[in-house]
């Protein structure tokens, strides 16, 4: 596993760099008994569209996620859980599949 930490906004160059590290490890360092290398990129701000466009549709080796510099309060966590629960219930009622992705992207 290759983990990269970025202190700024994620760019497509960051994803390309991590993909290069993963490819290098798979081709040079990894033994035959090991599973394929996974790359994890943590950043302070993530653009879902950049991630989707920079990586192949069948991507299973590169993961990108935001990290927070502080822990949320209990009330913030409860509000987030309730928000996601409501979104899932609405999607279930309407049969929407893409609604979740669209709503999460706008946060």
PDB file of N, CA and C in Angstrom:
ATOM      1  N   UNK A   1       0.841  -1.159   0.000  1.00  0.00           N
ATOM      2  CA  UNK A   1       0.000   0.000   0.000  1.00  0.00           C
ATOM      3  C   UNK A   1       0.898   1.237   0.000  1.00  0.00           C
ATOM      4  N   UNK A   2       0.558   2.179  -0.862  1.00  0.00           N
ATOM      5  CA  UNK A   2       1.274   3.448  -0.924  1.00  0.00           C
ATOM      6  C   UNK A   2       0.301   4.520  -0.447  1.00  0.00           C
ATOM      7  N   UNK A   3       0.702   5.294   0.555  1.00  0.00           N
ATOM      8  CA  UNK A   3      -0.153   6.353   1.084  1.00  0.00           C
ATOM      9  C   UNK A   3       0.545   7.684   0.869  1.00  0.00           C
ATOM     10  N   UNK A   4      -0.202   8.625   0.302  1.00  0.00           N
ATOM     11  CA  UNK A   4       0.339   9.963   0.073  1.00  0.00           C
ATOM     12  C   UNK A   4      -0.566  10.975   0.759  1.00  0.00           C
ATOM     13  N   UNK A   5       0.028  11.934   1.412  1.00  0.00           N
ATOM     14  CA  UNK A   5      -0.706  12.962   2.138  1.00  0.00           C
ATOM     15  C   UNK A   5      -0.422  14.313   1.494  1.00  0.00           C
ATOM     16  N   UNK A   6      -1.479  15.013   1.083  1.00  0.00           N
ATOM     17  CA  UNK A   6      -1.360  16.341   0.479  1.00  0.00           C
ATOM     18  C   UNK A   6      -1.977  17.364   1.417  1.00  0.00           C
ATOM     19  N   UNK A   7      -1.298  18.480   1.600  1.00  0.00           N
ATOM     20  CA  UNK A   7      -1.805  19.513   2.501  1.00  0.00           C
ATOM     21  C   UNK A   7      -2.629  20.556   1.758  1.00  0.00           C
ATOM     22  N   UNK A   8      -2.917  20.319   0.506  1.00  0.00           N
ATOM     23  CA  UNK A   8      -3.710  21.255  -0.281  1.00  0.00           C
ATOM     24  C   UNK A   8      -4.767  20.532  -1.084  1.00  0.00           C
ATOM     25  N   UNK A   9      -5.322  21.234  -2.059  1.00  0.00           N
ATOM     26  CA  UNK A   9      -6.369  20.687  -2.916  1.00  0.00           C
ATOM     27  C   UNK A   9      -5.798  19.636  -3.861  1.00  0.00           C
ATOM     28  N   UNK A  10      -6.513  18.554  -4.028  1.00  0.00           N
ATOM     29  CA  UNK A  10      -6.100  17.469  -4.913  1.00  0.00           C
ATOM     30  C   UNK A  10      -6.157  17.920  -6.372  1.00  0.00           C
ATOM     31  N   UNK A  11      -5.137  17.566  -7.135  1.00  0.00           N
ATOM     32  CA  UNK A  11      -5.114  17.868  -8.570  1.00  0.00           C
ATOM     33  C   UNK A  11      -4.959  16.577  -9.351  1.00  0.00           C
ATOM     34  N   UNK A  12      -5.208  16.649 -10.657  1.00  0.00           N
ATOM     35  CA  UNK A  12      -5.025  15.454 -11.481  1.00  0.00           C
ATOM     36  C   UNK A  12      -3.545  15.055 -11.536  1.00  0.00           C
ATOM     37  N   UNK A  13      -2.648  16.012 -11.362  1.00  0.00           N
ATOM     38  CA  UNK A  13      -1.220  15.690 -11.317  1.00  0.00           C
ATOM     39  C   UNK A  13      -0.895  14.828 -10.096  1.00  0.00           C
ATOM     40  N   UNK A  14      -1.541  15.111  -8.972  1.00  0.00           N
ATOM     41  CA  UNK A  14      -1.331  14.306  -7.766  1.00  0.00           C
ATOM     42  C   UNK A  14      -1.745  12.856  -8.007  1.00  0.00           C
ATOM     43  N   UNK A  15      -2.874  12.665  -8.680  1.00  0.00           N
ATOM     44  CA  UNK A  15      -3.347  11.310  -8.972  1.00  0.00           C
ATOM     45  C   UNK A  15      -2.392  10.594  -9.915  1.00  0.00           C
ATOM     46  N   UNK A  16      -1.881  11.318 -10.916  1.00  0.00           N
ATOM     47  CA  UNK A  16      -0.914  10.732 -11.838  1.00  0.00           C
ATOM     48  C   UNK A  16       0.373  10.332 -11.141  1.00  0.00           C
ATOM     49  N   UNK A  17       0.825  11.177 -10.230  1.00  0.00           N
ATOM     50  CA  UNK A  17       2.039  10.881  -9.473  1.00  0.00           C
ATOM     51  C   UNK A  17       1.839   9.637  -8.612  1.00  0.00           C
ATOM     52  N   UNK A  18       0.697   9.544  -7.933  1.00  0.00           N
ATOM     53  CA  UNK A  18       0.432   8.364  -7.108  1.00  0.00           C
ATOM     54  C   UNK A  18       0.320   7.115  -7.970  1.00  0.00           C
ATOM     55  N   UNK A  19      -0.294   7.236  -9.141  1.00  0.00           N
ATOM     56  CA  UNK A  19      -0.392   6.083 -10.044  1.00  0.00           C
ATOM     57  C   UNK A  19       1.005   5.618 -10.461  1.00  0.00           C
ATOM     58  N   UNK A  20       1.911   6.567 -10.694  1.00  0.00           N
ATOM     59  CA  UNK A  20       3.280   6.206 -11.030  1.00  0.00           C
ATOM     60  C   UNK A  20       3.942   5.448  -9.878  1.00  0.00           C
ATOM     61  N   UNK A  21       3.747   5.906  -8.640  1.00  0.00           N
ATOM     62  CA  UNK A  21       4.311   5.213  -7.481  1.00  0.00           C
ATOM     63  C   UNK A  21       3.760   3.795  -7.373  1.00  0.00           C
ATOM     64  N   UNK A  22       2.453   3.640  -7.578  1.00  0.00           N
ATOM     65  CA  UNK A  22       1.820   2.316  -7.506  1.00  0.00           C
ATOM     66  C   UNK A  22       2.373   1.410  -8.605  1.00  0.00           C
ATOM     67  N   UNK A  23       2.481   1.941  -9.819  1.00  0.00           N
ATOM     68  CA  UNK A  23       3.030   1.149 -10.931  1.00  0.00           C
ATOM     69  C   UNK A  23       4.467   0.727 -10.643  1.00  0.00           C
ATOM     70  N   UNK A  24       5.274   1.649 -10.143  1.00  0.00           N
ATOM     71  CA  UNK A  24       6.664   1.334  -9.813  1.00  0.00           C
ATOM     72  C   UNK A  24       6.715   0.203  -8.792  1.00  0.00           C
ATOM     73  N   UNK A  25       5.947   0.335  -7.709  1.00  0.00           N
ATOM     74  CA  UNK A  25       6.000  -0.682  -6.666  1.00  0.00           C
ATOM     75  C   UNK A  25       5.561  -2.037  -7.216  1.00  0.00           C
ATOM     76  N   UNK A  26       4.484  -2.047  -8.028  1.00  0.00           N
ATOM     77  CA  UNK A  26       4.010  -3.307  -8.601  1.00  0.00           C
ATOM     78  C   UNK A  26       5.052  -3.948  -9.518  1.00  0.00           C
ATOM     79  N   UNK A  27       5.764  -3.146 -10.278  1.00  0.00           N
ATOM     80  CA  UNK A  27       6.705  -3.674 -11.276  1.00  0.00           C
ATOM     81  C   UNK A  27       8.086  -3.979 -10.729  1.00  0.00           C
ATOM     82  N   UNK A  28       8.506  -3.274  -9.672  1.00  0.00           N
ATOM     83  CA  UNK A  28       9.885  -3.394  -9.205  1.00  0.00           C
ATOM     84  C   UNK A  28       9.993  -4.017  -7.809  1.00  0.00           C
ATOM     85  N   UNK A  29       9.155  -3.598  -6.894  1.00  0.00           N
ATOM     86  CA  UNK A  29       9.308  -3.994  -5.495  1.00  0.00           C
ATOM     87  C   UNK A  29       8.444  -5.190  -5.078  1.00  0.00           C
ATOM     88  N   UNK A  30       7.250  -5.302  -5.600  1.00  0.00           N
ATOM     89  CA  UNK A  30       6.274  -6.303  -5.167  1.00  0.00           C
ATOM     90  C   UNK A  30       6.732  -7.708  -5.537  1.00  0.00           C
ATOM     91  N   UNK A  31       6.505  -8.629  -4.617  1.00  0.00           N
ATOM     92  CA  UNK A  31       6.813 -10.037  -4.904  1.00  0.00           C
ATOM     93  C   UNK A  31       5.588 -10.707  -5.515  1.00  0.00           C
ATOM     94  N   UNK A  32       5.778 -11.863  -6.105  1.00  0.00           N
ATOM     95  CA  UNK A  32       4.693 -12.582  -6.775  1.00  0.00           C
ATOM     96  C   UNK A  32       3.581 -12.983  -5.806  1.00  0.00           C
ATOM     97  N   UNK A  33       3.922 -13.162  -4.545  1.00  0.00           N
ATOM     98  CA  UNK A  33       2.928 -13.600  -3.556  1.00  0.00           C
ATOM     99  C   UNK A  33       2.034 -12.464  -3.065  1.00  0.00           C
ATOM    100  N   UNK A  34       2.430 -11.219  -3.284  1.00  0.00           N
ATOM    101  CA  UNK A  34       1.678 -10.071  -2.779  1.00  0.00           C
ATOM    102  C   UNK A  34       0.520  -9.707  -3.701  1.00  0.00           C
ATOM    103  N   UNK A  35      -0.514  -9.134  -3.121  1.00  0.00           N
ATOM    104  CA  UNK A  35      -1.648  -8.620  -3.890  1.00  0.00           C
ATOM    105  C   UNK A  35      -1.226  -7.348  -4.616  1.00  0.00           C
ATOM    106  N   UNK A  36      -2.016  -6.923  -5.631  1.00  0.00           N
ATOM    107  CA  UNK A  36      -1.698  -5.664  -6.310  1.00  0.00           C
ATOM    108  C   UNK A  36      -1.649  -4.502  -5.321  1.00  0.00           C
ATOM    109  N   UNK A  37      -0.773  -3.562  -5.592  1.00  0.00           N
ATOM    110  CA  UNK A  37      -0.588  -2.398  -4.726  1.00  0.00           C
ATOM    111  C   UNK A  37      -1.795  -1.475  -4.817  1.00  0.00           C
ATOM    112  N   UNK A  38      -2.164  -0.913  -3.690  1.00  0.00           N
ATOM    113  CA  UNK A  38      -3.246   0.064  -3.618  1.00  0.00           C
ATOM    114  C   UNK A  38      -2.630   1.398  -3.221  1.00  0.00           C
ATOM    115  N   UNK A  39      -3.033   2.471  -3.881  1.00  0.00           N
ATOM    116  CA  UNK A  39      -2.572   3.807  -3.545  1.00  0.00           C
ATOM    117  C   UNK A  39      -3.688   4.597  -2.886  1.00  0.00           C
ATOM    118  N   UNK A  40      -3.390   5.233  -1.768  1.00  0.00           N
ATOM    119  CA  UNK A  40      -4.359   6.061  -1.061  1.00  0.00           C
ATOM    120  C   UNK A  40      -3.811   7.478  -0.990  1.00  0.00           C
ATOM    121  N   UNK A  41      -4.595   8.428  -1.479  1.00  0.00           N
ATOM    122  CA  UNK A  41      -4.200   9.824  -1.452  1.00  0.00           C
ATOM    123  C   UNK A  41      -5.163  10.571  -0.543  1.00  0.00           C
ATOM    124  N   UNK A  42      -4.632  11.162   0.517  1.00  0.00           N
ATOM    125  CA  UNK A  42      -5.425  11.961   1.444  1.00  0.00           C
ATOM    126  C   UNK A  42      -5.089  13.426   1.219  1.00  0.00           C
ATOM    127  N   UNK A  43      -6.115  14.268   1.120  1.00  0.00           N
ATOM    128  CA  UNK A  43      -5.897  15.681   0.841  1.00  0.00           C
ATOM    129  C   UNK A  43      -6.885  16.526   1.642  1.00  0.00           C
ATOM    130  N   UNK A  44      -6.619  17.818   1.724  1.00  0.00           N
ATOM    131  CA  UNK A  44      -7.504  18.696   2.490  1.00  0.00           C
ATOM    132  C   UNK A  44      -8.726  19.122   1.690  1.00  0.00           C
ATOM    133  N   UNK A  45      -8.689  18.972   0.359  1.00  0.00           N
ATOM    134  CA  UNK A  45      -9.824  19.348  -0.480  1.00  0.00           C
ATOM    135  C   UNK A  45      -9.815  18.470  -1.716  1.00  0.00           C
ATOM    136  N   UNK A  46     -10.923  17.801  -1.984  1.00  0.00           N
ATOM    137  CA  UNK A  46     -10.991  16.857  -3.103  1.00  0.00           C
ATOM    138  C   UNK A  46     -12.046  17.298  -4.098  1.00  0.00           C
ATOM    139  N   UNK A  47     -11.712  17.234  -5.366  1.00  0.00           N
ATOM    140  CA  UNK A  47     -12.634  17.522  -6.452  1.00  0.00           C
ATOM    141  C   UNK A  47     -13.049  16.185  -7.057  1.00  0.00           C
ATOM    142  N   UNK A  48     -14.299  15.741  -6.795  1.00  0.00           N
ATOM    143  CA  UNK A  48     -14.758  14.437  -7.267  1.00  0.00           C
ATOM    144  C   UNK A  48     -14.687  14.309  -8.784  1.00  0.00           C
ATOM    145  N   UNK A  49     -14.953  15.396  -9.499  1.00  0.00           N
ATOM    146  CA  UNK A  49     -14.904  15.341 -10.959  1.00  0.00           C
ATOM    147  C   UNK A  49     -13.475  15.081 -11.431  1.00  0.00           C
ATOM    148  N   UNK A  50     -12.508  15.737 -10.832  1.00  0.00           N
ATOM    149  CA  UNK A  50     -11.104  15.512 -11.212  1.00  0.00           C
ATOM    150  C   UNK A  50     -10.711  14.065 -10.943  1.00  0.00           C
ATOM    151  N   UNK A  51     -11.144  13.524  -9.827  1.00  0.00           N
ATOM    152  CA  UNK A  51     -10.827  12.130  -9.509  1.00  0.00           C
ATOM    153  C   UNK A  51     -11.447  11.212 -10.543  1.00  0.00           C
ATOM    154  N   UNK A  52     -12.719  11.423 -10.849  1.00  0.00           N
ATOM    155  CA  UNK A  52     -13.415  10.559 -11.800  1.00  0.00           C
ATOM    156  C   UNK A  52     -12.789  10.630 -13.194  1.00  0.00           C
ATOM    157  N   UNK A  53     -12.401  11.819 -13.631  1.00  0.00           N
ATOM    158  CA  UNK A  53     -11.861  11.982 -14.978  1.00  0.00           C
ATOM    159  C   UNK A  53     -10.393  11.553 -15.076  1.00  0.00           C
ATOM    160  N   UNK A  54      -9.655  11.659 -13.990  1.00  0.00           N
ATOM    161  CA  UNK A  54      -8.229  11.334 -14.032  1.00  0.00           C
ATOM    162  C   UNK A  54      -7.971   9.830 -13.931  1.00  0.00           C
ATOM    163  N   UNK A  55      -8.908   9.100 -13.362  1.00  0.00           N
ATOM    164  CA  UNK A  55      -8.702   7.667 -13.163  1.00  0.00           C
ATOM    165  C   UNK A  55      -9.587   6.863 -14.116  1.00  0.00           C
ATOM    166  N   UNK A  56      -9.154   5.654 -14.509  1.00  0.00           N
ATOM    167  CA  UNK A  56      -9.983   4.819 -15.374  1.00  0.00           C
ATOM    168  C   UNK A  56     -11.283   4.417 -14.679  1.00  0.00           C
ATOM    169  N   UNK A  57     -12.316   4.132 -15.467  1.00  0.00           N
ATOM    170  CA  UNK A  57     -13.607   3.748 -14.894  1.00  0.00           C
ATOM    171  C   UNK A  57     -13.513   2.486 -14.049  1.00  0.00           C
ATOM    172  N   UNK A  58     -12.653   1.567 -14.424  1.00  0.00           N
ATOM    173  CA  UNK A  58     -12.534   0.300 -13.694  1.00  0.00           C
ATOM    174  C   UNK A  58     -11.437   0.354 -12.627  1.00  0.00           C
ATOM    175  N   UNK A  59     -11.061   1.559 -12.213  1.00  0.00           N
ATOM    176  CA  UNK A  59     -10.000   1.760 -11.233  1.00  0.00           C
ATOM    177  C   UNK A  59     -10.286   1.011  -9.938  1.00  0.00           C
ATOM    178  N   UNK A  60      -9.313   0.229  -9.487  1.00  0.00           N
ATOM    179  CA  UNK A  60      -9.430  -0.466  -8.213  1.00  0.00           C
ATOM    180  C   UNK A  60      -8.161  -0.292  -7.381  1.00  0.00           C
ATOM    181  N   UNK A  61      -7.243   0.558  -7.846  1.00  0.00           N
ATOM    182  CA  UNK A  61      -5.958   0.665  -7.158  1.00  0.00           C
ATOM    183  C   UNK A  61      -5.685   2.028  -6.536  1.00  0.00           C
ATOM    184  N   UNK A  62      -6.400   3.073  -6.950  1.00  0.00           N
ATOM    185  CA  UNK A  62      -6.146   4.420  -6.431  1.00  0.00           C
ATOM    186  C   UNK A  62      -7.405   4.922  -5.721  1.00  0.00           C
ATOM    187  N   UNK A  63      -7.238   5.353  -4.478  1.00  0.00           N
ATOM    188  CA  UNK A  63      -8.345   5.897  -3.700  1.00  0.00           C
ATOM    189  C   UNK A  63      -7.967   7.308  -3.257  1.00  0.00           C
ATOM    190  N   UNK A  64      -8.902   8.236  -3.358  1.00  0.00           N
ATOM    191  CA  UNK A  64      -8.649   9.610  -2.920  1.00  0.00           C
ATOM    192  C   UNK A  64      -9.748  10.029  -1.963  1.00  0.00           C
ATOM    193  N   UNK A  65      -9.356  10.681  -0.881  1.00  0.00           N
ATOM    194  CA  UNK A  65     -10.338  11.125   0.099  1.00  0.00           C
ATOM    195  C   UNK A  65      -9.835  12.369   0.810  1.00  0.00           C
ATOM    196  N   UNK A  66     -10.781  13.155   1.307  1.00  0.00           N
ATOM    197  CA  UNK A  66     -10.450  14.345   2.093  1.00  0.00           C
ATOM    198  C   UNK A  66     -10.200  13.952   3.536  1.00  0.00           C
ATOM    199  N   UNK A  67      -9.361  14.698   4.181  1.00  0.00           N
ATOM    200  CA  UNK A  67      -9.209  14.553   5.623  1.00  0.00           C
ATOM    201  C   UNK A  67      -9.488  15.898   6.274  1.00  0.00           C
ATOM    202  N   UNK A  68      -9.878  15.859   7.497  1.00  0.00           N
ATOM    203  CA  UNK A  68     -10.185  17.074   8.237  1.00  0.00           C
ATOM    204  C   UNK A  68      -9.106  17.325   9.275  1.00  0.00           C
ATOM    205  N   UNK A  69      -8.829  18.576   9.536  1.00  0.00           N
ATOM    206  CA  UNK A  69      -7.828  18.945  10.526  1.00  0.00           C
ATOM    207  C   UNK A  69      -8.412  19.037  11.930  1.00  0.00           C
ATOM    208  N   UNK A  70      -9.696  18.781  12.058  1.00  0.00           N
ATOM    209  CA  UNK A  70     -10.341  18.825  13.363  1.00  0.00           C
ATOM    210  C   UNK A  70     -11.402  17.732  13.415  1.00  0.00           C
ATOM    211  N   UNK A  71     -11.779  17.340  14.603  1.00  0.00           N
ATOM    212  CA  UNK A  71     -12.851  16.377  14.772  1.00  0.00           C
ATOM    213  C   UNK A  71     -14.181  17.115  14.842  1.00  0.00           C
ATOM    214  N   UNK A  72     -15.204  16.594  14.166  1.00  0.00           N
ATOM    215  CA  UNK A  72     -16.508  17.254  14.245  1.00  0.00           C
ATOM    216  C   UNK A  72     -17.109  17.090  15.645  1.00  0.00           C
ATOM    217  N   UNK A  73     -17.992  17.998  15.988  1.00  0.00           N
ATOM    218  CA  UNK A  73     -18.679  17.895  17.274  1.00  0.00           C
ATOM    219  C   UNK A  73     -19.741  16.799  17.180  1.00  0.00           C
ATOM    220  N   UNK A  74     -20.251  16.414  18.330  1.00  0.00           N
ATOM    221  CA  UNK A  74     -21.299  15.394  18.356  1.00  0.00           C
ATOM    222  C   UNK A  74     -22.515  15.859  17.562  1.00  0.00           C
ATOM    223  N   UNK A  75     -22.898  17.110  17.707  1.00  0.00           N
ATOM    224  CA  UNK A  75     -24.070  17.611  16.982  1.00  0.00           C
ATOM    225  C   UNK A  75     -23.821  17.647  15.471  1.00  0.00           C
ATOM    226  N   UNK A  76     -22.596  17.950  15.050  1.00  0.00           N
ATOM    227  CA  UNK A  76     -22.274  17.926  13.613  1.00  0.00           C
ATOM    228  C   UNK A  76     -22.368  16.507  13.067  1.00  0.00           C
ATOM    229  N   UNK A  77     -21.876  15.538  13.823  1.00  0.00           N
ATOM    230  CA  UNK A  77     -21.958  14.139  13.392  1.00  0.00           C
ATOM    231  C   UNK A  77     -23.415  13.677  13.277  1.00  0.00           C
ATOM    232  N   UNK A  78     -24.221  14.021  14.269  1.00  0.00           N
ATOM    233  CA  UNK A  78     -25.637  13.644  14.237  1.00  0.00           C
ATOM    234  C   UNK A  78     -26.326  14.283  13.041  1.00  0.00           C
ATOM    235  N   UNK A  79     -26.045  15.550  12.780  1.00  0.00           N
ATOM    236  CA  UNK A  79     -26.645  16.244  11.637  1.00  0.00           C
ATOM    237  C   UNK A  79     -26.239  15.587  10.321  1.00  0.00           C
ATOM    238  N   UNK A  80     -24.992  15.201  10.206  1.00  0.00           N
ATOM    239  CA  UNK A  80     -24.520  14.546   8.972  1.00  0.00           C
ATOM    240  C   UNK A  80     -25.185  13.186   8.777  1.00  0.00           C
ATOM    241  N   UNK A  81     -25.268  12.401   9.835  1.00  0.00           N
ATOM    242  CA  UNK A  81     -25.928  11.092   9.745  1.00  0.00           C
ATOM    243  C   UNK A  81     -27.392  11.269   9.347  1.00  0.00           C
ATOM    244  N   UNK A  82     -28.076  12.214   9.962  1.00  0.00           N
ATOM    245  CA  UNK A  82     -29.483  12.460   9.621  1.00  0.00           C
ATOM    246  C   UNK A  82     -29.634  12.937   8.182  1.00  0.00           C
ATOM    247  N   UNK A  83     -28.712  13.756   7.723  1.00  0.00           N
ATOM    248  CA  UNK A  83     -28.748  14.243   6.348  1.00  0.00           C
ATOM    249  C   UNK A  83     -28.594  13.099   5.347  1.00  0.00           C
ATOM    250  N   UNK A  84     -27.633  12.234   5.601  1.00  0.00           N
ATOM    251  CA  UNK A  84     -27.412  11.095   4.698  1.00  0.00           C
ATOM    252  C   UNK A  84     -28.596  10.136   4.766  1.00  0.00           C
ATOM    253  N   UNK A  85     -29.120   9.904   5.975  1.00  0.00           N
ATOM    254  CA  UNK A  85     -30.285   9.011   6.126  1.00  0.00           C
ATOM    255  C   UNK A  85     -31.462   9.542   5.308  1.00  0.00           C
ATOM    256  N   UNK A  86     -31.734  10.852   5.406  1.00  0.00           N
ATOM    257  CA  UNK A  86     -32.836  11.455   4.666  1.00  0.00           C
ATOM    258  C   UNK A  86     -32.618  11.313   3.157  1.00  0.00           C
ATOM    259  N   UNK A  87     -31.373  11.544   2.704  1.00  0.00           N
ATOM    260  CA  UNK A  87     -31.051  11.432   1.286  1.00  0.00           C
ATOM    261  C   UNK A  87     -31.293  10.003   0.786  1.00  0.00           C
ATOM    262  N   UNK A  88     -30.875   9.017   1.564  1.00  0.00           N
ATOM    263  CA  UNK A  88     -31.054   7.618   1.177  1.00  0.00           C
ATOM    264  C   UNK A  88     -32.534   7.271   1.132  1.00  0.00           C
ATOM    265  N   UNK A  89     -33.299   7.722   2.116  1.00  0.00           N
ATOM    266  CA  UNK A  89     -34.737   7.459   2.132  1.00  0.00           C
ATOM    267  C   UNK A  89     -35.422   8.085   0.923  1.00  0.00           C
ATOM    268  N   UNK A  90     -35.045   9.299   0.562  1.00  0.00           N
ATOM    269  CA  UNK A  90     -35.625   9.963  -0.606  1.00  0.00           C
ATOM    270  C   UNK A  90     -35.276   9.227  -1.889  1.00  0.00           C
ATOM    271  N   UNK A  91     -34.048   8.761  -1.985  1.00  0.00           N
ATOM    272  CA  UNK A  91     -33.635   8.013  -3.173  1.00  0.00           C
ATOM    273  C   UNK A  91     -34.390   6.703  -3.267  1.00  0.00           C
ATOM    274  N   UNK A  92     -34.574   6.068  -2.133  1.00  0.00           N
ATOM    275  CA  UNK A  92     -35.296   4.799  -2.107  1.00  0.00           C
ATOM    276  C   UNK A  92     -36.734   4.998  -2.585  1.00  0.00           C
ATOM    277  N   UNK A  93     -37.351   6.098  -2.143  1.00  0.00           N
ATOM    278  CA  UNK A  93     -38.725   6.399  -2.532  1.00  0.00           C
ATOM    279  C   UNK A  93     -38.840   6.720  -4.017  1.00  0.00           C
ATOM    280  N   UNK A  94     -37.841   7.439  -4.570  1.00  0.00           N
ATOM    281  CA  UNK A  94     -37.901   7.838  -5.979  1.00  0.00           C
ATOM    282  C   UNK A  94     -37.212   6.853  -6.907  1.00  0.00           C
ATOM    283  N   UNK A  95     -36.441   5.911  -6.333  1.00  0.00           N
ATOM    284  CA  UNK A  95     -35.707   4.960  -7.162  1.00  0.00           C
ATOM    285  C   UNK A  95     -34.480   5.563  -7.803  1.00  0.00           C
ATOM    286  N   UNK A  96     -34.039   6.731  -7.324  1.00  0.00           N
ATOM    287  CA  UNK A  96     -32.878   7.416  -7.893  1.00  0.00           C
ATOM    288  C   UNK A  96     -31.594   6.708  -7.525  1.00  0.00           C
ATOM    289  N   UNK A  97     -30.708   6.528  -8.516  1.00  0.00           N
ATOM    290  CA  UNK A  97     -29.397   5.933  -8.269  1.00  0.00           C
ATOM    291  C   UNK A  97     -28.334   7.017  -8.256  1.00  0.00           C
ATOM    292  N   UNK A  98     -28.435   7.987  -9.159  1.00  0.00           N
ATOM    293  CA  UNK A  98     -27.409   9.016  -9.286  1.00  0.00           C
ATOM    294  C   UNK A  98     -27.588  10.161  -8.306  1.00  0.00           C
ATOM    295  N   UNK A  99     -28.719  10.251  -7.658  1.00  0.00           N
ATOM    296  CA  UNK A  99     -28.970  11.351  -6.741  1.00  0.00           C
ATOM    297  C   UNK A  99     -27.940  11.433  -5.642  1.00  0.00           C
ATOM    298  N   UNK A 100     -27.532  10.302  -5.098  1.00  0.00           N
ATOM    299  CA  UNK A 100     -26.571  10.296  -3.996  1.00  0.00           C
ATOM    300  C   UNK A 100     -25.250  10.899  -4.439  1.00  0.00           C
ATOM    301  N   UNK A 101     -24.767  10.480  -5.605  1.00  0.00           N
ATOM    302  CA  UNK A 101     -23.495  11.019  -6.097  1.00  0.00           C
ATOM    303  C   UNK A 101     -23.592  12.525  -6.298  1.00  0.00           C
ATOM    304  N   UNK A 102     -24.707  12.972  -6.900  1.00  0.00           N
ATOM    305  CA  UNK A 102     -24.860  14.401  -7.156  1.00  0.00           C
ATOM    306  C   UNK A 102     -24.916  15.196  -5.857  1.00  0.00           C
ATOM    307  N   UNK A 103     -25.680  14.694  -4.863  1.00  0.00           N
ATOM    308  CA  UNK A 103     -25.806  15.412  -3.595  1.00  0.00           C
ATOM    309  C   UNK A 103     -24.483  15.437  -2.832  1.00  0.00           C
ATOM    310  N   UNK A 104     -23.755  14.333  -2.826  1.00  0.00           N
ATOM    311  CA  UNK A 104     -22.491  14.300  -2.109  1.00  0.00           C
ATOM    312  C   UNK A 104     -21.471  15.220  -2.756  1.00  0.00           C
ATOM    313  N   UNK A 105     -21.527  15.347  -4.071  1.00  0.00           N
ATOM    314  CA  UNK A 105     -20.570  16.188  -4.778  1.00  0.00           C
ATOM    315  C   UNK A 105     -20.757  17.657  -4.428  1.00  0.00           C
ATOM    316  N   UNK A 106     -21.986  18.079  -4.112  1.00  0.00           N
ATOM    317  CA  UNK A 106     -22.224  19.486  -3.867  1.00  0.00           C
ATOM    318  C   UNK A 106     -21.881  19.911  -2.460  1.00  0.00           C
ATOM    319  N   UNK A 107     -21.534  19.011  -1.587  1.00  0.00           N
ATOM    320  CA  UNK A 107     -21.202  19.346  -0.190  1.00  0.00           C
ATOM    321  C   UNK A 107     -19.858  19.967  -0.089  1.00  0.00           C
TER     322      UNK A 107
END
